Amino acid sequence: MKVMLIDDSSTMRKIQRRVLEGMGITDIVEAGNGKEGLEKIKEHNNDFTFVLCDINMPEMNGMETLKAIRSNPDTLKLPVIMCTSVAEKNQVMEAIKAGATNYLVKPFQPEDLQNKINAVLGK
């Protein structure tokens, strides 16, 4: 199982990494923005189980990243969990409309992230 973490906050990526590793997921690739994330997804031949992606990032934000993932036939069905520090209903609804598989509001408890991941994995 391989996971892509896309977040401009290295601290948030470390927190997410710890939760994933606690779940036994150790094949983790990180990116600091959407553009870098898309490049790494392509470099790894789209071989990811799911993506955790922040919404608010510089250069290429999470919504643009999600739309790029959904517009590519090779990644169309790749599960994407969107993370946002802003619990604005319209932002969450926009992400779901754009094809987000699930979403998570920061700050979160480790079990919140685990539950979202398990839902995406069908556990």
PDB file of N, CA and C in Angstrom:
ATOM      1  N   MET A   1       0.842  -1.179   0.000  1.00  0.00           N
ATOM      2  CA  MET A   1       0.000   0.000   0.000  1.00  0.00           C
ATOM      3  C   MET A   1       0.885   1.239   0.000  1.00  0.00           C
ATOM      4  N   LYS A   2       0.638   2.122  -0.954  1.00  0.00           N
ATOM      5  CA  LYS A   2       1.433   3.349  -1.068  1.00  0.00           C
ATOM      6  C   LYS A   2       0.497   4.551  -0.956  1.00  0.00           C
ATOM      7  N   VAL A   3       0.931   5.551  -0.166  1.00  0.00           N
ATOM      8  CA  VAL A   3       0.104   6.730   0.087  1.00  0.00           C
ATOM      9  C   VAL A   3       0.858   7.997  -0.298  1.00  0.00           C
ATOM     10  N   MET A   4       0.142   8.948  -0.893  1.00  0.00           N
ATOM     11  CA  MET A   4       0.690  10.256  -1.248  1.00  0.00           C
ATOM     12  C   MET A   4       0.150  11.290  -0.268  1.00  0.00           C
ATOM     13  N   LEU A   5       1.052  12.010   0.420  1.00  0.00           N
ATOM     14  CA  LEU A   5       0.677  13.110   1.316  1.00  0.00           C
ATOM     15  C   LEU A   5       1.011  14.420   0.624  1.00  0.00           C
ATOM     16  N   ILE A   6       0.021  15.288   0.457  1.00  0.00           N
ATOM     17  CA  ILE A   6       0.255  16.593  -0.163  1.00  0.00           C
ATOM     18  C   ILE A   6      -0.200  17.668   0.818  1.00  0.00           C
ATOM     19  N   ASP A   7       0.760  18.389   1.378  1.00  0.00           N
ATOM     20  CA  ASP A   7       0.458  19.458   2.339  1.00  0.00           C
ATOM     21  C   ASP A   7       1.659  20.382   2.401  1.00  0.00           C
ATOM     22  N   ASP A   8       1.415  21.690   2.422  1.00  0.00           N
ATOM     23  CA  ASP A   8       2.527  22.633   2.487  1.00  0.00           C
ATOM     24  C   ASP A   8       3.139  22.706   3.881  1.00  0.00           C
ATOM     25  N   SER A   9       2.475  22.146   4.879  1.00  0.00           N
ATOM     26  CA  SER A   9       2.998  22.141   6.246  1.00  0.00           C
ATOM     27  C   SER A   9       3.753  20.836   6.512  1.00  0.00           C
ATOM     28  N   SER A  10       5.067  20.941   6.709  1.00  0.00           N
ATOM     29  CA  SER A  10       5.854  19.736   7.002  1.00  0.00           C
ATOM     30  C   SER A  10       5.418  19.133   8.335  1.00  0.00           C
ATOM     31  N   THR A  11       4.972  19.965   9.262  1.00  0.00           N
ATOM     32  CA  THR A  11       4.487  19.473  10.561  1.00  0.00           C
ATOM     33  C   THR A  11       3.244  18.611  10.360  1.00  0.00           C
ATOM     34  N   MET A  12       2.323  19.065   9.531  1.00  0.00           N
ATOM     35  CA  MET A  12       1.103  18.288   9.271  1.00  0.00           C
ATOM     36  C   MET A  12       1.446  16.979   8.579  1.00  0.00           C
ATOM     37  N   ARG A  13       2.390  17.014   7.650  1.00  0.00           N
ATOM     38  CA  ARG A  13       2.801  15.767   6.978  1.00  0.00           C
ATOM     39  C   ARG A  13       3.400  14.792   7.983  1.00  0.00           C
ATOM     40  N   LYS A  14       4.178  15.297   8.949  1.00  0.00           N
ATOM     41  CA  LYS A  14       4.761  14.419   9.983  1.00  0.00           C
ATOM     42  C   LYS A  14       3.666  13.779  10.828  1.00  0.00           C
ATOM     43  N   ILE A  15       2.658  14.572  11.197  1.00  0.00           N
ATOM     44  CA  ILE A  15       1.536  14.049  11.991  1.00  0.00           C
ATOM     45  C   ILE A  15       0.807  12.962  11.200  1.00  0.00           C
ATOM     46  N   GLN A  16       0.508  13.243   9.938  1.00  0.00           N
ATOM     47  CA  GLN A  16      -0.183  12.267   9.094  1.00  0.00           C
ATOM     48  C   GLN A  16       0.668  11.009   8.918  1.00  0.00           C
ATOM     49  N   ARG A  17       1.968  11.196   8.717  1.00  0.00           N
ATOM     50  CA  ARG A  17       2.888  10.060   8.557  1.00  0.00           C
ATOM     51  C   ARG A  17       2.855   9.161   9.793  1.00  0.00           C
ATOM     52  N   ARG A  18       2.885   9.778  10.989  1.00  0.00           N
ATOM     53  CA  ARG A  18       2.859   8.996  12.233  1.00  0.00           C
ATOM     54  C   ARG A  18       1.587   8.162  12.343  1.00  0.00           C
ATOM     55  N   VAL A  19       0.453   8.762  11.988  1.00  0.00           N
ATOM     56  CA  VAL A  19      -0.818   8.030  12.035  1.00  0.00           C
ATOM     57  C   VAL A  19      -0.782   6.863  11.047  1.00  0.00           C
ATOM     58  N   LEU A  20      -0.326   7.124   9.827  1.00  0.00           N
ATOM     59  CA  LEU A  20      -0.243   6.073   8.813  1.00  0.00           C
ATOM     60  C   LEU A  20       0.685   4.945   9.258  1.00  0.00           C
ATOM     61  N   GLU A  21       1.852   5.312   9.779  1.00  0.00           N
ATOM     62  CA  GLU A  21       2.801   4.293  10.234  1.00  0.00           C
ATOM     63  C   GLU A  21       2.212   3.481  11.380  1.00  0.00           C
ATOM     64  N   GLY A  22       1.425   4.132  12.243  1.00  0.00           N
ATOM     65  CA  GLY A  22       0.746   3.426  13.331  1.00  0.00           C
ATOM     66  C   GLY A  22      -0.283   2.431  12.819  1.00  0.00           C
ATOM     67  N   MET A  23      -0.755   2.650  11.595  1.00  0.00           N
ATOM     68  CA  MET A  23      -1.706   1.735  10.952  1.00  0.00           C
ATOM     69  C   MET A  23      -0.978   0.669  10.129  1.00  0.00           C
ATOM     70  N   GLY A  24       0.353   0.709  10.148  1.00  0.00           N
ATOM     71  CA  GLY A  24       1.135  -0.261   9.391  1.00  0.00           C
ATOM     72  C   GLY A  24       1.416   0.155   7.957  1.00  0.00           C
ATOM     73  N   ILE A  25       1.107   1.400   7.615  1.00  0.00           N
ATOM     74  CA  ILE A  25       1.353   1.913   6.259  1.00  0.00           C
ATOM     75  C   ILE A  25       2.687   2.649   6.276  1.00  0.00           C
ATOM     76  N   THR A  26       3.683   2.117   5.571  1.00  0.00           N
ATOM     77  CA  THR A  26       5.023   2.710   5.624  1.00  0.00           C
ATOM     78  C   THR A  26       5.532   3.210   4.272  1.00  0.00           C
ATOM     79  N   ASP A  27       4.846   2.863   3.191  1.00  0.00           N
ATOM     80  CA  ASP A  27       5.253   3.337   1.864  1.00  0.00           C
ATOM     81  C   ASP A  27       4.537   4.662   1.611  1.00  0.00           C
ATOM     82  N   ILE A  28       5.197   5.751   2.022  1.00  0.00           N
ATOM     83  CA  ILE A  28       4.584   7.077   2.012  1.00  0.00           C
ATOM     84  C   ILE A  28       5.452   8.044   1.212  1.00  0.00           C
ATOM     85  N   VAL A  29       4.835   8.756   0.286  1.00  0.00           N
ATOM     86  CA  VAL A  29       5.524   9.763  -0.519  1.00  0.00           C
ATOM     87  C   VAL A  29       4.922  11.117  -0.146  1.00  0.00           C
ATOM     88  N   GLU A  30       5.783  12.138   0.011  1.00  0.00           N
ATOM     89  CA  GLU A  30       5.317  13.457   0.430  1.00  0.00           C
ATOM     90  C   GLU A  30       5.575  14.517  -0.631  1.00  0.00           C
ATOM     91  N   ALA A  31       4.689  15.525  -0.644  1.00  0.00           N
ATOM     92  CA  ALA A  31       4.850  16.683  -1.526  1.00  0.00           C
ATOM     93  C   ALA A  31       4.378  17.927  -0.781  1.00  0.00           C
ATOM     94  N   GLY A  32       5.023  19.065  -1.065  1.00  0.00           N
ATOM     95  CA  GLY A  32       4.713  20.315  -0.382  1.00  0.00           C
ATOM     96  C   GLY A  32       3.649  21.164  -1.055  1.00  0.00           C
ATOM     97  N   ASN A  33       3.212  20.769  -2.258  1.00  0.00           N
ATOM     98  CA  ASN A  33       2.116  21.482  -2.930  1.00  0.00           C
ATOM     99  C   ASN A  33       1.522  20.564  -3.999  1.00  0.00           C
ATOM    100  N   GLY A  34       0.419  20.996  -4.573  1.00  0.00           N
ATOM    101  CA  GLY A  34      -0.278  20.169  -5.544  1.00  0.00           C
ATOM    102  C   GLY A  34       0.521  19.862  -6.793  1.00  0.00           C
ATOM    103  N   LYS A  35       1.255  20.845  -7.281  1.00  0.00           N
ATOM    104  CA  LYS A  35       2.064  20.645  -8.491  1.00  0.00           C
ATOM    105  C   LYS A  35       3.099  19.542  -8.254  1.00  0.00           C
ATOM    106  N   GLU A  36       3.800  19.637  -7.133  1.00  0.00           N
ATOM    107  CA  GLU A  36       4.795  18.616  -6.781  1.00  0.00           C
ATOM    108  C   GLU A  36       4.115  17.262  -6.568  1.00  0.00           C
ATOM    109  N   GLY A  37       2.946  17.269  -5.951  1.00  0.00           N
ATOM    110  CA  GLY A  37       2.206  16.026  -5.725  1.00  0.00           C
ATOM    111  C   GLY A  37       1.838  15.335  -7.024  1.00  0.00           C
ATOM    112  N   LEU A  38       1.334  16.096  -7.984  1.00  0.00           N
ATOM    113  CA  LEU A  38       0.972  15.519  -9.284  1.00  0.00           C
ATOM    114  C   LEU A  38       2.196  14.956  -9.998  1.00  0.00           C
ATOM    115  N   GLU A  39       3.329  15.670  -9.902  1.00  0.00           N
ATOM    116  CA  GLU A  39       4.570  15.180 -10.515  1.00  0.00           C
ATOM    117  C   GLU A  39       4.987  13.853  -9.890  1.00  0.00           C
ATOM    118  N   LYS A  40       4.888  13.764  -8.560  1.00  0.00           N
ATOM    119  CA  LYS A  40       5.295  12.527  -7.877  1.00  0.00           C
ATOM    120  C   LYS A  40       4.328  11.382  -8.159  1.00  0.00           C
ATOM    121  N   ILE A  41       3.047  11.700  -8.279  1.00  0.00           N
ATOM    122  CA  ILE A  41       2.077  10.661  -8.646  1.00  0.00           C
ATOM    123  C   ILE A  41       2.458  10.083 -10.008  1.00  0.00           C
ATOM    124  N   LYS A  42       2.797  10.957 -10.956  1.00  0.00           N
ATOM    125  CA  LYS A  42       3.199  10.515 -12.298  1.00  0.00           C
ATOM    126  C   LYS A  42       4.511   9.726 -12.241  1.00  0.00           C
ATOM    127  N   GLU A  43       5.499  10.229 -11.467  1.00  0.00           N
ATOM    128  CA  GLU A  43       6.795   9.540 -11.323  1.00  0.00           C
ATOM    129  C   GLU A  43       6.621   8.116 -10.810  1.00  0.00           C
ATOM    130  N   HIS A  44       5.634   7.920  -9.946  1.00  0.00           N
ATOM    131  CA  HIS A  44       5.381   6.602  -9.358  1.00  0.00           C
ATOM    132  C   HIS A  44       4.335   5.821 -10.155  1.00  0.00           C
ATOM    133  N   ASN A  45       4.131   6.215 -11.413  1.00  0.00           N
ATOM    134  CA  ASN A  45       3.206   5.528 -12.321  1.00  0.00           C
ATOM    135  C   ASN A  45       1.797   5.390 -11.752  1.00  0.00           C
ATOM    136  N   ASN A  46       1.341   6.428 -11.039  1.00  0.00           N
ATOM    137  CA  ASN A  46      -0.021   6.463 -10.481  1.00  0.00           C
ATOM    138  C   ASN A  46      -0.286   5.323  -9.510  1.00  0.00           C
ATOM    139  N   ASP A  47       0.777   4.754  -8.957  1.00  0.00           N
ATOM    140  CA  ASP A  47       0.673   3.562  -8.116  1.00  0.00           C
ATOM    141  C   ASP A  47       0.448   3.923  -6.643  1.00  0.00           C
ATOM    142  N   PHE A  48      -0.668   4.574  -6.348  1.00  0.00           N
ATOM    143  CA  PHE A  48      -0.989   4.936  -4.970  1.00  0.00           C
ATOM    144  C   PHE A  48      -2.334   4.343  -4.587  1.00  0.00           C
ATOM    145  N   THR A  49      -2.453   3.962  -3.321  1.00  0.00           N
ATOM    146  CA  THR A  49      -3.710   3.423  -2.811  1.00  0.00           C
ATOM    147  C   THR A  49      -4.694   4.554  -2.561  1.00  0.00           C
ATOM    148  N   PHE A  50      -4.180   5.669  -2.030  1.00  0.00           N
ATOM    149  CA  PHE A  50      -4.989   6.869  -1.852  1.00  0.00           C
ATOM    150  C   PHE A  50      -4.088   8.074  -1.637  1.00  0.00           C
ATOM    151  N   VAL A  51      -4.711   9.262  -1.700  1.00  0.00           N
ATOM    152  CA  VAL A  51      -4.013  10.534  -1.529  1.00  0.00           C
ATOM    153  C   VAL A  51      -4.659  11.293  -0.374  1.00  0.00           C
ATOM    154  N   LEU A  52      -3.824  11.876   0.483  1.00  0.00           N
ATOM    155  CA  LEU A  52      -4.280  12.830   1.504  1.00  0.00           C
ATOM    156  C   LEU A  52      -3.820  14.190   1.017  1.00  0.00           C
ATOM    157  N   CYS A  53      -4.743  15.115   0.801  1.00  0.00           N
ATOM    158  CA  CYS A  53      -4.385  16.392   0.189  1.00  0.00           C
ATOM    159  C   CYS A  53      -4.994  17.571   0.939  1.00  0.00           C
ATOM    160  N   ASP A  54      -4.146  18.527   1.316  1.00  0.00           N
ATOM    161  CA  ASP A  54      -4.604  19.761   1.939  1.00  0.00           C
ATOM    162  C   ASP A  54      -5.319  20.604   0.886  1.00  0.00           C
ATOM    163  N   ILE A  55      -6.263  21.422   1.314  1.00  0.00           N
ATOM    164  CA  ILE A  55      -6.956  22.300   0.365  1.00  0.00           C
ATOM    165  C   ILE A  55      -6.201  23.606   0.175  1.00  0.00           C
ATOM    166  N   ASN A  56      -5.788  24.228   1.273  1.00  0.00           N
ATOM    167  CA  ASN A  56      -5.154  25.547   1.202  1.00  0.00           C
ATOM    168  C   ASN A  56      -3.636  25.424   1.121  1.00  0.00           C
ATOM    169  N   MET A  57      -3.105  25.573  -0.099  1.00  0.00           N
ATOM    170  CA  MET A  57      -1.659  25.494  -0.328  1.00  0.00           C
ATOM    171  C   MET A  57      -1.260  26.526  -1.371  1.00  0.00           C
ATOM    172  N   PRO A  58       0.004  26.973  -1.323  1.00  0.00           N
ATOM    173  CA  PRO A  58       0.492  27.883  -2.367  1.00  0.00           C
ATOM    174  C   PRO A  58       0.787  27.119  -3.661  1.00  0.00           C
ATOM    175  N   GLU A  59       1.020  27.845  -4.702  1.00  0.00           N
ATOM    176  CA  GLU A  59       1.384  27.342  -6.030  1.00  0.00           C
ATOM    177  C   GLU A  59       0.240  26.604  -6.711  1.00  0.00           C
ATOM    178  N   MET A  60      -0.184  25.474  -6.172  1.00  0.00           N
ATOM    179  CA  MET A  60      -1.340  24.753  -6.706  1.00  0.00           C
ATOM    180  C   MET A  60      -2.124  24.230  -5.519  1.00  0.00           C
ATOM    181  N   ASN A  61      -3.327  24.767  -5.311  1.00  0.00           N
ATOM    182  CA  ASN A  61      -4.088  24.374  -4.123  1.00  0.00           C
ATOM    183  C   ASN A  61      -4.726  22.996  -4.283  1.00  0.00           C
ATOM    184  N   GLY A  62      -5.325  22.533  -3.218  1.00  0.00           N
ATOM    185  CA  GLY A  62      -5.893  21.193  -3.201  1.00  0.00           C
ATOM    186  C   GLY A  62      -7.044  20.988  -4.165  1.00  0.00           C
ATOM    187  N   MET A  63      -7.872  22.018  -4.349  1.00  0.00           N
ATOM    188  CA  MET A  63      -8.987  21.885  -5.289  1.00  0.00           C
ATOM    189  C   MET A  63      -8.470  21.722  -6.718  1.00  0.00           C
ATOM    190  N   GLU A  64      -7.453  22.503  -7.085  1.00  0.00           N
ATOM    191  CA  GLU A  64      -6.858  22.376  -8.423  1.00  0.00           C
ATOM    192  C   GLU A  64      -6.216  20.999  -8.587  1.00  0.00           C
ATOM    193  N   THR A  65      -5.576  20.526  -7.520  1.00  0.00           N
ATOM    194  CA  THR A  65      -4.937  19.205  -7.541  1.00  0.00           C
ATOM    195  C   THR A  65      -5.984  18.117  -7.726  1.00  0.00           C
ATOM    196  N   LEU A  66      -7.058  18.198  -6.949  1.00  0.00           N
ATOM    197  CA  LEU A  66      -8.145  17.219  -7.042  1.00  0.00           C
ATOM    198  C   LEU A  66      -8.740  17.201  -8.454  1.00  0.00           C
ATOM    199  N   LYS A  67      -8.984  18.368  -9.010  1.00  0.00           N
ATOM    200  CA  LYS A  67      -9.559  18.445 -10.364  1.00  0.00           C
ATOM    201  C   LYS A  67      -8.607  17.843 -11.403  1.00  0.00           C
ATOM    202  N   ALA A  68      -7.295  18.045 -11.218  1.00  0.00           N
ATOM    203  CA  ALA A  68      -6.305  17.456 -12.133  1.00  0.00           C
ATOM    204  C   ALA A  68      -6.297  15.933 -12.006  1.00  0.00           C
ATOM    205  N   ILE A  69      -6.392  15.435 -10.776  1.00  0.00           N
ATOM    206  CA  ILE A  69      -6.434  13.982 -10.550  1.00  0.00           C
ATOM    207  C   ILE A  69      -7.681  13.396 -11.216  1.00  0.00           C
ATOM    208  N   ARG A  70      -8.817  14.048 -11.047  1.00  0.00           N
ATOM    209  CA  ARG A  70     -10.079  13.543 -11.600  1.00  0.00           C
ATOM    210  C   ARG A  70     -10.169  13.679 -13.121  1.00  0.00           C
ATOM    211  N   SER A  71      -9.392  14.585 -13.705  1.00  0.00           N
ATOM    212  CA  SER A  71      -9.458  14.766 -15.160  1.00  0.00           C
ATOM    213  C   SER A  71      -8.493  13.848 -15.911  1.00  0.00           C
ATOM    214  N   ASN A  72      -7.646  13.119 -15.185  1.00  0.00           N
ATOM    215  CA  ASN A  72      -6.689  12.202 -15.802  1.00  0.00           C
ATOM    216  C   ASN A  72      -7.265  10.783 -15.752  1.00  0.00           C
ATOM    217  N   PRO A  73      -7.448  10.126 -16.898  1.00  0.00           N
ATOM    218  CA  PRO A  73      -8.008   8.771 -16.898  1.00  0.00           C
ATOM    219  C   PRO A  73      -7.216   7.784 -16.032  1.00  0.00           C
ATOM    220  N   ASP A  74      -5.903   8.003 -15.892  1.00  0.00           N
ATOM    221  CA  ASP A  74      -5.069   7.093 -15.104  1.00  0.00           C
ATOM    222  C   ASP A  74      -5.286   7.244 -13.599  1.00  0.00           C
ATOM    223  N   THR A  75      -5.784   8.402 -13.165  1.00  0.00           N
ATOM    224  CA  THR A  75      -5.973   8.639 -11.727  1.00  0.00           C
ATOM    225  C   THR A  75      -7.427   8.945 -11.377  1.00  0.00           C
ATOM    226  N   LEU A  76      -8.297   8.822 -12.344  1.00  0.00           N
ATOM    227  CA  LEU A  76      -9.711   9.159 -12.171  1.00  0.00           C
ATOM    228  C   LEU A  76     -10.329   8.515 -10.926  1.00  0.00           C
ATOM    229  N   LYS A  77      -9.991   7.254 -10.662  1.00  0.00           N
ATOM    230  CA  LYS A  77     -10.603   6.522  -9.553  1.00  0.00           C
ATOM    231  C   LYS A  77      -9.735   6.492  -8.291  1.00  0.00           C
ATOM    232  N   LEU A  78      -8.618   7.206  -8.300  1.00  0.00           N
ATOM    233  CA  LEU A  78      -7.725   7.252  -7.141  1.00  0.00           C
ATOM    234  C   LEU A  78      -8.437   7.936  -5.974  1.00  0.00           C
ATOM    235  N   PRO A  79      -8.613   7.249  -4.832  1.00  0.00           N
ATOM    236  CA  PRO A  79      -9.278   7.878  -3.689  1.00  0.00           C
ATOM    237  C   PRO A  79      -8.475   9.069  -3.162  1.00  0.00           C
ATOM    238  N   VAL A  80      -9.178  10.175  -2.901  1.00  0.00           N
ATOM    239  CA  VAL A  80      -8.547  11.390  -2.392  1.00  0.00           C
ATOM    240  C   VAL A  80      -9.303  11.866  -1.156  1.00  0.00           C
ATOM    241  N   ILE A  81      -8.575  11.964  -0.037  1.00  0.00           N
ATOM    242  CA  ILE A  81      -9.128  12.533   1.191  1.00  0.00           C
ATOM    243  C   ILE A  81      -8.616  13.963   1.275  1.00  0.00           C
ATOM    244  N   MET A  82      -9.529  14.917   1.260  1.00  0.00           N
ATOM    245  CA  MET A  82      -9.158  16.327   1.337  1.00  0.00           C
ATOM    246  C   MET A  82      -9.110  16.767   2.798  1.00  0.00           C
ATOM    247  N   CYS A  83      -8.087  17.540   3.136  1.00  0.00           N
ATOM    248  CA  CYS A  83      -7.928  18.056   4.497  1.00  0.00           C
ATOM    249  C   CYS A  83      -8.019  19.571   4.461  1.00  0.00           C
ATOM    250  N   THR A  84      -8.739  20.130   5.408  1.00  0.00           N
ATOM    251  CA  THR A  84      -8.840  21.579   5.479  1.00  0.00           C
ATOM    252  C   THR A  84      -8.847  22.043   6.923  1.00  0.00           C
ATOM    253  N   SER A  85      -8.234  23.181   7.161  1.00  0.00           N
ATOM    254  CA  SER A  85      -8.250  23.743   8.508  1.00  0.00           C
ATOM    255  C   SER A  85      -9.447  24.670   8.670  1.00  0.00           C
ATOM    256  N   VAL A  86     -10.164  24.857   7.600  1.00  0.00           N
ATOM    257  CA  VAL A  86     -11.339  25.720   7.630  1.00  0.00           C
ATOM    258  C   VAL A  86     -12.581  24.845   7.481  1.00  0.00           C
ATOM    259  N   ALA A  87     -13.398  24.821   8.512  1.00  0.00           N
ATOM    260  CA  ALA A  87     -14.585  23.960   8.484  1.00  0.00           C
ATOM    261  C   ALA A  87     -15.753  24.662   7.802  1.00  0.00           C
ATOM    262  N   GLU A  88     -15.469  25.295   6.679  1.00  0.00           N
ATOM    263  CA  GLU A  88     -16.529  25.969   5.941  1.00  0.00           C
ATOM    264  C   GLU A  88     -17.287  24.950   5.105  1.00  0.00           C
ATOM    265  N   LYS A  89     -18.575  24.925   5.322  1.00  0.00           N
ATOM    266  CA  LYS A  89     -19.420  23.953   4.642  1.00  0.00           C
ATOM    267  C   LYS A  89     -19.276  24.041   3.122  1.00  0.00           C
ATOM    268  N   ASN A  90     -19.205  25.262   2.587  1.00  0.00           N
ATOM    269  CA  ASN A  90     -19.139  25.400   1.127  1.00  0.00           C
ATOM    270  C   ASN A  90     -17.835  24.841   0.559  1.00  0.00           C
ATOM    271  N   GLN A  91     -16.727  24.958   1.306  1.00  0.00           N
ATOM    272  CA  GLN A  91     -15.447  24.422   0.834  1.00  0.00           C
ATOM    273  C   GLN A  91     -15.492  22.895   0.812  1.00  0.00           C
ATOM    274  N   VAL A  92     -16.066  22.306   1.849  1.00  0.00           N
ATOM    275  CA  VAL A  92     -16.202  20.851   1.912  1.00  0.00           C
ATOM    276  C   VAL A  92     -17.132  20.375   0.795  1.00  0.00           C
ATOM    277  N   MET A  93     -18.246  21.066   0.601  1.00  0.00           N
ATOM    278  CA  MET A  93     -19.194  20.685  -0.452  1.00  0.00           C
ATOM    279  C   MET A  93     -18.558  20.808  -1.841  1.00  0.00           C
ATOM    280  N   GLU A  94     -17.759  21.845  -2.036  1.00  0.00           N
ATOM    281  CA  GLU A  94     -17.071  22.035  -3.315  1.00  0.00           C
ATOM    282  C   GLU A  94     -16.104  20.874  -3.575  1.00  0.00           C
ATOM    283  N   ALA A  95     -15.396  20.443  -2.526  1.00  0.00           N
ATOM    284  CA  ALA A  95     -14.455  19.321  -2.661  1.00  0.00           C
ATOM    285  C   ALA A  95     -15.196  18.029  -3.003  1.00  0.00           C
ATOM    286  N   ILE A  96     -16.310  17.782  -2.334  1.00  0.00           N
ATOM    287  CA  ILE A  96     -17.097  16.576  -2.615  1.00  0.00           C
ATOM    288  C   ILE A  96     -17.628  16.624  -4.055  1.00  0.00           C
ATOM    289  N   LYS A  97     -18.134  17.778  -4.477  1.00  0.00           N
ATOM    290  CA  LYS A  97     -18.640  17.940  -5.855  1.00  0.00           C
ATOM    291  C   LYS A  97     -17.542  17.707  -6.881  1.00  0.00           C
ATOM    292  N   ALA A  98     -16.314  18.117  -6.538  1.00  0.00           N
ATOM    293  CA  ALA A  98     -15.180  17.976  -7.461  1.00  0.00           C
ATOM    294  C   ALA A  98     -14.632  16.550  -7.485  1.00  0.00           C
ATOM    295  N   GLY A  99     -15.161  15.685  -6.608  1.00  0.00           N
ATOM    296  CA  GLY A  99     -14.751  14.285  -6.655  1.00  0.00           C
ATOM    297  C   GLY A  99     -13.945  13.785  -5.477  1.00  0.00           C
ATOM    298  N   ALA A 100     -13.883  14.559  -4.383  1.00  0.00           N
ATOM    299  CA  ALA A 100     -13.176  14.071  -3.192  1.00  0.00           C
ATOM    300  C   ALA A 100     -13.883  12.823  -2.677  1.00  0.00           C
ATOM    301  N   THR A 101     -13.103  11.842  -2.268  1.00  0.00           N
ATOM    302  CA  THR A 101     -13.654  10.605  -1.744  1.00  0.00           C
ATOM    303  C   THR A 101     -14.142  10.810  -0.316  1.00  0.00           C
ATOM    304  N   ASN A 102     -13.410  11.649   0.432  1.00  0.00           N
ATOM    305  CA  ASN A 102     -13.748  11.941   1.819  1.00  0.00           C
ATOM    306  C   ASN A 102     -13.052  13.237   2.195  1.00  0.00           C
ATOM    307  N   TYR A 103     -13.305  13.738   3.395  1.00  0.00           N
ATOM    308  CA  TYR A 103     -12.651  14.964   3.844  1.00  0.00           C
ATOM    309  C   TYR A 103     -12.391  14.885   5.341  1.00  0.00           C
ATOM    310  N   LEU A 104     -11.459  15.709   5.785  1.00  0.00           N
ATOM    311  CA  LEU A 104     -11.061  15.744   7.188  1.00  0.00           C
ATOM    312  C   LEU A 104     -10.799  17.191   7.569  1.00  0.00           C
ATOM    313  N   VAL A 105     -11.353  17.620   8.699  1.00  0.00           N
ATOM    314  CA  VAL A 105     -11.155  18.987   9.171  1.00  0.00           C
ATOM    315  C   VAL A 105     -10.041  18.995  10.213  1.00  0.00           C
ATOM    316  N   LYS A 106      -9.052  19.879   9.998  1.00  0.00           N
ATOM    317  CA  LYS A 106      -7.939  20.034  10.942  1.00  0.00           C
ATOM    318  C   LYS A 106      -8.300  21.102  11.967  1.00  0.00           C
ATOM    319  N   PRO A 107      -7.850  20.999  13.201  1.00  0.00           N
ATOM    320  CA  PRO A 107      -7.067  19.888  13.744  1.00  0.00           C
ATOM    321  C   PRO A 107      -7.951  18.655  13.941  1.00  0.00           C
ATOM    322  N   PHE A 108      -7.315  17.499  13.908  1.00  0.00           N
ATOM    323  CA  PHE A 108      -8.043  16.245  14.057  1.00  0.00           C
ATOM    324  C   PHE A 108      -7.307  15.341  15.034  1.00  0.00           C
ATOM    325  N   GLN A 109      -8.030  14.378  15.559  1.00  0.00           N
ATOM    326  CA  GLN A 109      -7.442  13.352  16.410  1.00  0.00           C
ATOM    327  C   GLN A 109      -6.950  12.218  15.503  1.00  0.00           C
ATOM    328  N   PRO A 110      -5.906  11.499  15.916  1.00  0.00           N
ATOM    329  CA  PRO A 110      -5.413  10.391  15.087  1.00  0.00           C
ATOM    330  C   PRO A 110      -6.517   9.416  14.674  1.00  0.00           C
ATOM    331  N   GLU A 111      -7.438   9.131  15.596  1.00  0.00           N
ATOM    332  CA  GLU A 111      -8.507   8.180  15.254  1.00  0.00           C
ATOM    333  C   GLU A 111      -9.452   8.737  14.183  1.00  0.00           C
ATOM    334  N   ASP A 112      -9.581  10.074  14.101  1.00  0.00           N
ATOM    335  CA  ASP A 112     -10.402  10.669  13.036  1.00  0.00           C
ATOM    336  C   ASP A 112      -9.798  10.345  11.669  1.00  0.00           C
ATOM    337  N   LEU A 113      -8.483  10.527  11.553  1.00  0.00           N
ATOM    338  CA  LEU A 113      -7.797  10.219  10.297  1.00  0.00           C
ATOM    339  C   LEU A 113      -7.878   8.723  10.006  1.00  0.00           C
ATOM    340  N   GLN A 114      -7.668   7.896  11.020  1.00  0.00           N
ATOM    341  CA  GLN A 114      -7.761   6.442  10.835  1.00  0.00           C
ATOM    342  C   GLN A 114      -9.145   6.049  10.324  1.00  0.00           C
ATOM    343  N   ASN A 115     -10.192   6.647  10.894  1.00  0.00           N
ATOM    344  CA  ASN A 115     -11.561   6.334  10.466  1.00  0.00           C
ATOM    345  C   ASN A 115     -11.799   6.725   9.010  1.00  0.00           C
ATOM    346  N   LYS A 116     -11.290   7.880   8.598  1.00  0.00           N
ATOM    347  CA  LYS A 116     -11.454   8.323   7.203  1.00  0.00           C
ATOM    348  C   LYS A 116     -10.713   7.382   6.255  1.00  0.00           C
ATOM    349  N   ILE A 117      -9.495   6.988   6.649  1.00  0.00           N
ATOM    350  CA  ILE A 117      -8.705   6.067   5.825  1.00  0.00           C
ATOM    351  C   ILE A 117      -9.409   4.716   5.725  1.00  0.00           C
ATOM    352  N   ASN A 118      -9.877   4.199   6.861  1.00  0.00           N
ATOM    353  CA  ASN A 118     -10.581   2.913   6.847  1.00  0.00           C
ATOM    354  C   ASN A 118     -11.839   2.968   5.984  1.00  0.00           C
ATOM    355  N   ALA A 119     -12.543   4.108   6.004  1.00  0.00           N
ATOM    356  CA  ALA A 119     -13.739   4.261   5.164  1.00  0.00           C
ATOM    357  C   ALA A 119     -13.356   4.204   3.680  1.00  0.00           C
ATOM    358  N   VAL A 120     -12.258   4.861   3.325  1.00  0.00           N
ATOM    359  CA  VAL A 120     -11.789   4.865   1.935  1.00  0.00           C
ATOM    360  C   VAL A 120     -11.341   3.468   1.509  1.00  0.00           C
ATOM    361  N   LEU A 121     -10.722   2.743   2.440  1.00  0.00           N
ATOM    362  CA  LEU A 121     -10.231   1.396   2.135  1.00  0.00           C
ATOM    363  C   LEU A 121     -11.325   0.339   2.242  1.00  0.00           C
ATOM    364  N   GLY A 122     -12.517   0.750   2.680  1.00  0.00           N
ATOM    365  CA  GLY A 122     -13.632  -0.184   2.805  1.00  0.00           C
ATOM    366  C   GLY A 122     -13.526  -1.101   3.997  1.00  0.00           C
ATOM    367  N   LYS A 123     -12.850  -0.633   5.050  1.00  0.00           N
ATOM    368  CA  LYS A 123     -12.703  -1.457   6.266  1.00  0.00           C
ATOM    369  C   LYS A 123     -13.732  -1.080   7.302  1.00  0.00           C
TER     370      LYS A 123
END
